[in-house]
């Protein structure tokens, strides 16, 4: 599975961005597609994920209510709409694909087997 993320950029606090991640290759076993991020000097953390078949979504507390994850099954693409961006959202954002169906695993890196290259989001104050 190959993942191509795009949509990052430099914005001001309060602005919006939409990230996209297109999957190609052997995607038939996809159970979920998610987004993680790694800020400067920080460890990579879970942001949001969506179950591929049922569309159920899960978010980290830090982005709940501001970010929305969605998917287009026909295009094998997942989106992350980010509103009301804050400087602390500055990070390299990674998309990931996993075949794990256990809910608790969907919030962990170990629940995903394929990762994209990352797209940079920088929010200035």
Protein backbone atom coordinates (compact mmCIF):
# COMPACT_ATOMS: atom_id res chain seq x y z
CA UNK A 1 0.00 0.00 0.00
CA UNK A 2 1.29 3.43 -0.93
CA UNK A 3 0.02 6.62 0.66
CA UNK A 4 0.33 10.12 -0.72
CA UNK A 5 -0.52 12.95 1.65
CA UNK A 6 -1.03 16.55 0.58
CA UNK A 7 -2.63 19.81 1.63
CA UNK A 8 -0.27 21.10 4.28
CA UNK A 9 0.93 24.66 4.41
CA UNK A 10 1.56 27.80 6.42
CA UNK A 11 -1.53 29.47 7.88
CA UNK A 12 -2.45 31.86 10.65
CA UNK A 13 -4.18 30.95 13.87
CA UNK A 14 -7.91 30.58 13.31
CA UNK A 15 -7.53 29.55 9.67
CA UNK A 16 -8.52 26.24 8.10
CA UNK A 17 -6.75 23.60 6.05
CA UNK A 18 -7.81 20.34 4.48
CA UNK A 19 -5.38 17.48 4.24
CA UNK A 20 -5.84 14.62 1.79
CA UNK A 21 -4.31 11.18 1.69
CA UNK A 22 -4.74 8.88 -1.28
CA UNK A 23 -4.06 5.17 -0.93
CA UNK A 24 -3.04 2.90 -3.77
CA UNK A 25 -1.94 -0.67 -4.15
CA UNK A 26 -3.34 -3.57 -2.11
CA UNK A 27 -5.99 -1.65 -0.18
CA UNK A 28 -8.63 -4.37 0.01
CA UNK A 29 -7.75 -5.23 3.63
CA UNK A 30 -8.06 -1.65 4.89
CA UNK A 31 -10.00 -1.46 8.16
CA UNK A 32 -9.20 2.14 9.01
CA UNK A 33 -7.31 5.17 7.80
CA UNK A 34 -5.97 7.60 10.31
CA UNK A 35 -3.94 10.74 10.87
CA UNK A 36 -1.12 11.19 13.32
CA UNK A 37 1.13 14.19 13.85
CA UNK A 38 4.55 14.97 15.24
CA UNK A 39 5.28 18.44 16.50
CA UNK A 40 8.74 19.94 17.05
CA UNK A 41 10.49 18.05 19.83
CA UNK A 42 7.48 15.85 20.44
CA UNK A 43 6.58 12.24 19.88
CA UNK A 44 4.15 11.30 17.17
CA UNK A 45 0.58 11.37 18.46
CA UNK A 46 -2.83 10.19 17.33
CA UNK A 47 -5.11 12.80 15.75
CA UNK A 48 -8.11 11.07 14.16
CA UNK A 49 -9.15 7.89 12.41
CA UNK A 50 -12.09 6.55 10.46
CA UNK A 51 -13.27 2.98 10.03
CA UNK A 52 -13.29 2.22 6.34
CA UNK A 53 -16.49 0.18 6.15
CA UNK A 54 -18.79 1.81 8.68
CA UNK A 55 -17.38 5.32 8.70
CA UNK A 56 -17.12 5.53 12.49
CA UNK A 57 -14.73 8.24 13.57
CA UNK A 58 -12.48 8.75 16.57
CA UNK A 59 -10.60 11.88 17.59
CA UNK A 60 -8.03 12.93 20.10
CA UNK A 61 -9.31 15.30 22.76
CA UNK A 62 -7.03 18.05 21.50
CA UNK A 63 -8.73 18.25 18.09
CA UNK A 64 -12.28 17.10 18.83
CA UNK A 65 -14.76 19.71 17.67
CA UNK A 66 -12.23 21.43 15.40
CA UNK A 67 -11.08 18.65 13.05
CA UNK A 68 -13.24 16.38 10.93
CA UNK A 69 -12.06 13.19 9.26
CA UNK A 70 -13.90 11.77 6.27
CA UNK A 71 -13.30 9.32 3.47
CA UNK A 72 -14.15 8.76 -0.15
CA UNK A 73 -14.19 5.01 -0.66
CA UNK A 74 -14.35 5.27 -4.44
CA UNK A 75 -11.13 7.29 -4.45
CA UNK A 76 -9.44 5.41 -1.58
CA UNK A 77 -8.85 8.80 -0.04
CA UNK A 78 -9.15 10.13 3.48
CA UNK A 79 -9.47 13.80 4.36
CA UNK A 80 -8.79 15.82 7.47
CA UNK A 81 -10.62 19.12 7.62
CA UNK A 82 -8.89 21.28 10.19
CA UNK A 83 -10.68 24.39 11.44
CA UNK A 84 -9.80 26.96 14.07
CA UNK A 85 -6.16 26.02 13.82
CA UNK A 86 -3.88 26.86 16.73
CA UNK A 87 -0.09 27.28 16.88
CA UNK A 88 0.06 24.05 18.88
CA UNK A 89 -1.34 22.22 15.83
CA UNK A 90 1.97 22.87 14.08
CA UNK A 91 3.36 19.47 13.15
CA UNK A 92 4.21 17.03 10.42
CA UNK A 93 0.98 15.19 9.70
CA UNK A 94 1.09 11.55 8.67
CA UNK A 95 -1.67 9.42 7.26
CA UNK A 96 -1.73 5.71 7.89
CA UNK A 97 -3.62 2.62 6.87
CA UNK A 98 -4.39 -0.28 9.16
CA UNK A 99 -6.13 -3.61 9.01
CA UNK A 100 -6.72 -3.82 12.76
CA UNK A 101 -10.36 -3.72 13.81
CA UNK A 102 -9.88 -3.37 17.57
CA UNK A 103 -11.00 0.11 18.61
CA UNK A 104 -8.26 0.62 21.18
CA UNK A 105 -5.62 -0.14 18.56
CA UNK A 106 -6.93 2.52 16.21
CA UNK A 107 -5.54 5.22 18.49
CA UNK A 108 -2.07 3.68 18.49
CA UNK A 109 0.70 3.65 15.92
CA UNK A 110 0.92 -0.11 16.27
CA UNK A 111 -2.57 -0.39 14.79
CA UNK A 112 -1.33 0.77 11.40
CA UNK A 113 0.92 -1.03 8.96
CA UNK A 114 1.40 1.55 6.24
CA UNK A 115 2.41 5.20 6.54
CA UNK A 116 2.61 8.16 4.20
CA UNK A 117 5.52 10.56 3.97
CA UNK A 118 3.93 13.36 5.96
CA UNK A 119 2.76 16.84 5.10
CA UNK A 120 3.84 19.89 7.10
CA UNK A 121 1.28 22.13 8.79
CA UNK A 122 2.57 25.34 10.32
CA UNK A 123 0.26 27.67 12.22
CA UNK A 124 1.54 31.11 13.09
CA UNK A 125 0.16 33.16 15.96
